[in-house]
Every structure is written in C-alpha cells, then in structure tokens.
Amino acid sequence: MRYERSRVRFVALVIVTAACGGSDKGTGPIPCDTYTGGVIGSATLPGTYDLRSFCQGMKPNVAGASGTVTITASDFTADVTIQGTTTTYSGTYVTSSPDGITVNLTSPLPATFVGNYRVTTDSLYVSGAVGTEKFAFIGTRMP
C-alpha cells in the first residue's frame, strides 16, 4: 500500500510539473537582455556597427544572425540577415535622456521601436520592443 501511495504522489508531481512548464532546472523562457546607460565616456551614437548578436522575443539569441546597423544624426538602418534572408529596418530616431531611444520605422512596415541604449567607443547595445515583441542587439563599431 505504501508503494502505491508513493507511486500516485510521484505521478501527480510529474503531471503538475509538466502542466506548469517546469524543467529539471526550474527555469522557463528568458527574455532578451536589457541594456541601459546612454552614451558612456567620449562615445557618440552615430556610426556603423557590425551586428554581433541579435535577440528576438526570448533567449537564446538568434543563431547565425548577422548584419550591420548604421546610425546618422537622424536616421537608423539595421540590415539583419537570418538564415540567408536580409530584412532592412529603417526610419528616423530620437533619443531621450538618459538612455531612451525611439525609432519610427518605415520599413519593413510602419511601426515604433521604443527602447534603451548604451554606446561605448567600440560597441552599441540596444534593447526594447515593437509593440509586445522584444528585441535586443549588440554591435561592434566599424572603422
């Protein structure tokens, strides 16, 4: 009888764990990283950056994503290649103190990206969302 009760408890535990999305480590999906900090030191935001990592929705980052991000005094363009297909995200942007960035995208569809950034002399970190879809990327400044 004890064996049967233990077995029932074990089966119930497995069912509850599966229903709650549990795993052996007790973790679930992890959102994309969040970056803050604005301009660090003598860095400037405008420049061209080689895309090092790209997160869309949840981690892990998109495997094999590549591309470039070009920022001028008023325009933002990101060419992101995933599995051989390049999508260009472009529009005008404004920053707000201390580290806010809003990009009014016109391509590929009209949308607004609202997020935060940190820029150093050699790297750009951006995180935020278009609606409820979260994004984050890191780029290395190109010469």
C-alpha atoms as a PDB file:
ATOM      1  CA  MET A   1       0.000   0.000   0.000  1.00  0.00           C
ATOM      2  CA  ARG A   2       2.829   2.445   0.796  1.00  0.00           C
ATOM      3  CA  TYR A   3       4.359   1.729  -2.600  1.00  0.00           C
ATOM      4  CA  GLU A   4       1.064   2.560  -4.322  1.00  0.00           C
ATOM      5  CA  ARG A   5       0.676   5.918  -2.474  1.00  0.00           C
ATOM      6  CA  SER A   6       4.262   6.904  -3.337  1.00  0.00           C
ATOM      7  CA  ARG A   7       3.684   5.993  -6.944  1.00  0.00           C
ATOM      8  CA  VAL A   8       0.474   8.063  -7.077  1.00  0.00           C
ATOM      9  CA  ARG A   9       2.257  11.039  -5.494  1.00  0.00           C
ATOM     10  CA  PHE A  10       5.128  10.736  -7.974  1.00  0.00           C
ATOM     11  CA  VAL A  11       2.756  10.591 -10.971  1.00  0.00           C
ATOM     12  CA  ALA A  12       0.824  13.594  -9.619  1.00  0.00           C
ATOM     13  CA  LEU A  13       4.082  15.540  -9.171  1.00  0.00           C
ATOM     14  CA  VAL A  14       5.151  14.758 -12.756  1.00  0.00           C
ATOM     15  CA  ILE A  15       1.767  15.873 -14.115  1.00  0.00           C
ATOM     16  CA  VAL A  16       1.804  19.138 -12.129  1.00  0.00           C
ATOM     17  CA  THR A  17       5.389  19.871 -13.153  1.00  0.00           C
ATOM     18  CA  ALA A  18       4.610  19.264 -16.829  1.00  0.00           C
ATOM     19  CA  ALA A  19       1.452  21.375 -16.673  1.00  0.00           C
ATOM     20  CA  CYS A  20       3.373  24.267 -15.132  1.00  0.00           C
ATOM     21  CA  GLY A  21       6.131  24.091 -17.727  1.00  0.00           C
ATOM     22  CA  GLY A  22       8.710  23.013 -15.202  1.00  0.00           C
ATOM     23  CA  SER A  23      12.078  21.654 -16.169  1.00  0.00           C
ATOM     24  CA  ASP A  24      14.870  19.873 -14.420  1.00  0.00           C
ATOM     25  CA  LYS A  25      16.447  23.254 -13.579  1.00  0.00           C
ATOM     26  CA  GLY A  26      13.234  25.004 -12.640  1.00  0.00           C
ATOM     27  CA  THR A  27      13.659  27.728 -15.279  1.00  0.00           C
ATOM     28  CA  GLY A  28      11.404  28.881 -18.073  1.00  0.00           C
ATOM     29  CA  PRO A  29      11.911  31.090 -21.125  1.00  0.00           C
ATOM     30  CA  ILE A  30      14.269  34.021 -20.567  1.00  0.00           C
ATOM     31  CA  PRO A  31      13.538  37.433 -22.111  1.00  0.00           C
ATOM     32  CA  CYS A  32      16.082  39.228 -24.274  1.00  0.00           C
ATOM     33  CA  ASP A  33      18.733  41.189 -22.386  1.00  0.00           C
ATOM     34  CA  THR A  34      18.033  44.782 -21.341  1.00  0.00           C
ATOM     35  CA  TYR A  35      20.637  47.495 -21.835  1.00  0.00           C
ATOM     36  CA  THR A  36      20.818  50.962 -20.306  1.00  0.00           C
ATOM     37  CA  GLY A  37      23.439  53.625 -19.795  1.00  0.00           C
ATOM     38  CA  GLY A  38      23.232  56.032 -22.739  1.00  0.00           C
ATOM     39  CA  VAL A  39      26.500  57.492 -24.007  1.00  0.00           C
ATOM     40  CA  ILE A  40      29.479  56.250 -21.998  1.00  0.00           C
ATOM     41  CA  GLY A  41      32.610  58.429 -21.875  1.00  0.00           C
ATOM     42  CA  SER A  42      33.550  60.159 -25.115  1.00  0.00           C
ATOM     43  CA  ALA A  43      31.479  57.848 -27.325  1.00  0.00           C
ATOM     44  CA  THR A  44      28.962  59.081 -29.898  1.00  0.00           C
ATOM     45  CA  LEU A  45      25.845  57.266 -31.090  1.00  0.00           C
ATOM     46  CA  PRO A  46      26.166  57.889 -34.857  1.00  0.00           C
ATOM     47  CA  GLY A  47      28.283  55.299 -36.640  1.00  0.00           C
ATOM     48  CA  THR A  48      28.207  51.940 -38.395  1.00  0.00           C
ATOM     49  CA  TYR A  49      28.181  48.773 -36.319  1.00  0.00           C
ATOM     50  CA  ASP A  50      28.758  45.116 -37.187  1.00  0.00           C
ATOM     51  CA  LEU A  51      25.950  43.033 -35.641  1.00  0.00           C
ATOM     52  CA  ARG A  52      27.427  40.618 -33.031  1.00  0.00           C
ATOM     53  CA  SER A  53      24.222  39.255 -31.503  1.00  0.00           C
ATOM     54  CA  PHE A  54      20.502  39.559 -32.129  1.00  0.00           C
ATOM     55  CA  CYS A  55      17.664  38.501 -29.826  1.00  0.00           C
ATOM     56  CA  GLN A  56      14.052  38.417 -30.952  1.00  0.00           C
ATOM     57  CA  GLY A  57      11.332  37.613 -28.433  1.00  0.00           C
ATOM     58  CA  MET A  58      13.099  35.309 -25.998  1.00  0.00           C
ATOM     59  CA  LYS A  59      16.582  33.938 -25.493  1.00  0.00           C
ATOM     60  CA  PRO A  60      18.586  32.267 -26.821  1.00  0.00           C
ATOM     61  CA  ASN A  61      19.831  34.818 -29.330  1.00  0.00           C
ATOM     62  CA  VAL A  62      19.075  34.047 -32.978  1.00  0.00           C
ATOM     63  CA  ALA A  63      21.797  31.648 -34.120  1.00  0.00           C
ATOM     64  CA  GLY A  64      23.791  32.857 -37.106  1.00  0.00           C
ATOM     65  CA  ALA A  65      22.210  36.326 -37.253  1.00  0.00           C
ATOM     66  CA  SER A  66      24.464  38.896 -38.910  1.00  0.00           C
ATOM     67  CA  GLY A  67      24.285  42.339 -40.440  1.00  0.00           C
ATOM     68  CA  THR A  68      25.053  45.996 -39.921  1.00  0.00           C
ATOM     69  CA  VAL A  69      23.452  48.894 -38.087  1.00  0.00           C
ATOM     70  CA  THR A  70      24.025  52.408 -39.394  1.00  0.00           C
ATOM     71  CA  ILE A  71      23.033  55.430 -37.343  1.00  0.00           C
ATOM     72  CA  THR A  72      23.357  59.007 -38.584  1.00  0.00           C
ATOM     73  CA  ALA A  73      22.319  62.182 -36.780  1.00  0.00           C
ATOM     74  CA  SER A  74      18.651  61.400 -37.526  1.00  0.00           C
ATOM     75  CA  ASP A  75      18.342  58.061 -39.345  1.00  0.00           C
ATOM     76  CA  PHE A  76      18.519  54.455 -38.174  1.00  0.00           C
ATOM     77  CA  THR A  77      19.065  51.499 -40.523  1.00  0.00           C
ATOM     78  CA  ALA A  78      19.600  47.888 -39.497  1.00  0.00           C
ATOM     79  CA  ASP A  79      20.204  45.203 -42.126  1.00  0.00           C
ATOM     80  CA  VAL A  80      19.649  41.903 -40.313  1.00  0.00           C
ATOM     81  CA  THR A  81      20.336  38.576 -42.038  1.00  0.00           C
ATOM     82  CA  ILE A  82      18.796  35.427 -40.581  1.00  0.00           C
ATOM     83  CA  GLN A  83      19.051  32.092 -42.417  1.00  0.00           C
ATOM     84  CA  GLY A  84      20.094  33.817 -45.635  1.00  0.00           C
ATOM     85  CA  THR A  85      17.234  36.343 -45.673  1.00  0.00           C
ATOM     86  CA  THR A  86      18.032  40.010 -45.064  1.00  0.00           C
ATOM     87  CA  THR A  87      15.438  42.361 -43.602  1.00  0.00           C
ATOM     88  CA  THR A  88      16.089  46.096 -43.501  1.00  0.00           C
ATOM     89  CA  TYR A  89      14.639  48.007 -40.576  1.00  0.00           C
ATOM     90  CA  SER A  90      14.834  51.742 -41.179  1.00  0.00           C
ATOM     91  CA  GLY A  91      13.400  55.028 -40.051  1.00  0.00           C
ATOM     92  CA  THR A  92      14.126  58.161 -38.112  1.00  0.00           C
ATOM     93  CA  TYR A  93      15.007  58.128 -34.428  1.00  0.00           C
ATOM     94  CA  VAL A  94      15.143  60.379 -31.401  1.00  0.00           C
ATOM     95  CA  THR A  95      16.865  59.859 -28.087  1.00  0.00           C
ATOM     96  CA  SER A  96      15.742  60.979 -24.655  1.00  0.00           C
ATOM     97  CA  SER A  97      17.806  61.455 -21.546  1.00  0.00           C
ATOM     98  CA  PRO A  98      19.487  59.486 -20.182  1.00  0.00           C
ATOM     99  CA  ASP A  99      19.289  56.399 -22.450  1.00  0.00           C
ATOM    100  CA  GLY A 100      15.930  56.227 -24.243  1.00  0.00           C
ATOM    101  CA  ILE A 101      15.637  55.668 -27.988  1.00  0.00           C
ATOM    102  CA  THR A 102      12.522  55.711 -30.165  1.00  0.00           C
ATOM    103  CA  VAL A 103      12.788  54.620 -33.800  1.00  0.00           C
ATOM    104  CA  ASN A 104       9.855  55.450 -36.059  1.00  0.00           C
ATOM    105  CA  LEU A 105      10.240  52.616 -38.523  1.00  0.00           C
ATOM    106  CA  THR A 106       9.022  52.977 -42.100  1.00  0.00           C
ATOM    107  CA  SER A 107      10.461  49.675 -43.308  1.00  0.00           C
ATOM    108  CA  PRO A 108       9.632  46.811 -43.457  1.00  0.00           C
ATOM    109  CA  LEU A 109       6.296  48.067 -42.053  1.00  0.00           C
ATOM    110  CA  PRO A 110       5.360  51.243 -40.221  1.00  0.00           C
ATOM    111  CA  ALA A 111       5.963  50.610 -36.525  1.00  0.00           C
ATOM    112  CA  THR A 112       7.583  52.200 -33.497  1.00  0.00           C
ATOM    113  CA  PHE A 113      10.505  50.688 -31.622  1.00  0.00           C
ATOM    114  CA  VAL A 114      10.784  52.012 -28.061  1.00  0.00           C
ATOM    115  CA  GLY A 115      13.810  51.086 -26.019  1.00  0.00           C
ATOM    116  CA  ASN A 116      17.080  51.931 -24.358  1.00  0.00           C
ATOM    117  CA  TYR A 117      20.684  52.028 -25.494  1.00  0.00           C
ATOM    118  CA  ARG A 118      24.247  52.102 -24.266  1.00  0.00           C
ATOM    119  CA  VAL A 119      27.093  53.146 -26.533  1.00  0.00           C
ATOM    120  CA  THR A 120      30.813  52.950 -25.809  1.00  0.00           C
ATOM    121  CA  THR A 121      33.728  53.910 -28.019  1.00  0.00           C
ATOM    122  CA  ASP A 122      33.644  50.447 -29.630  1.00  0.00           C
ATOM    123  CA  SER A 123      30.152  48.932 -29.070  1.00  0.00           C
ATOM    124  CA  LEU A 124      26.424  49.640 -29.268  1.00  0.00           C
ATOM    125  CA  TYR A 125      23.839  47.853 -27.103  1.00  0.00           C
ATOM    126  CA  VAL A 126      20.124  48.342 -27.810  1.00  0.00           C
ATOM    127  CA  SER A 127      17.051  46.722 -26.244  1.00  0.00           C
ATOM    128  CA  GLY A 128      13.345  47.429 -26.458  1.00  0.00           C
ATOM    129  CA  ALA A 129      10.162  46.413 -28.198  1.00  0.00           C
ATOM    130  CA  VAL A 130       7.892  46.938 -31.150  1.00  0.00           C
ATOM    131  CA  GLY A 131       4.503  46.544 -29.510  1.00  0.00           C
ATOM    132  CA  THR A 132       4.850  43.421 -27.370  1.00  0.00           C
ATOM    133  CA  GLU A 133       7.679  41.859 -29.435  1.00  0.00           C
ATOM    134  CA  LYS A 134      11.001  42.327 -27.637  1.00  0.00           C
ATOM    135  CA  PHE A 135      14.347  42.804 -29.364  1.00  0.00           C
ATOM    136  CA  ALA A 136      17.948  43.289 -28.287  1.00  0.00           C
ATOM    137  CA  PHE A 137      21.185  43.528 -30.216  1.00  0.00           C
ATOM    138  CA  ILE A 138      24.856  44.249 -29.786  1.00  0.00           C
ATOM    139  CA  GLY A 139      27.040  45.768 -32.468  1.00  0.00           C
ATOM    140  CA  THR A 140      30.748  46.486 -32.723  1.00  0.00           C
ATOM    141  CA  ARG A 141      31.701  49.880 -34.164  1.00  0.00           C
ATOM    142  CA  MET A 142      33.227  49.602 -37.632  1.00  0.00           C
ATOM    143  CA  PRO A 143      36.066  51.912 -38.688  1.00  0.00           C
END
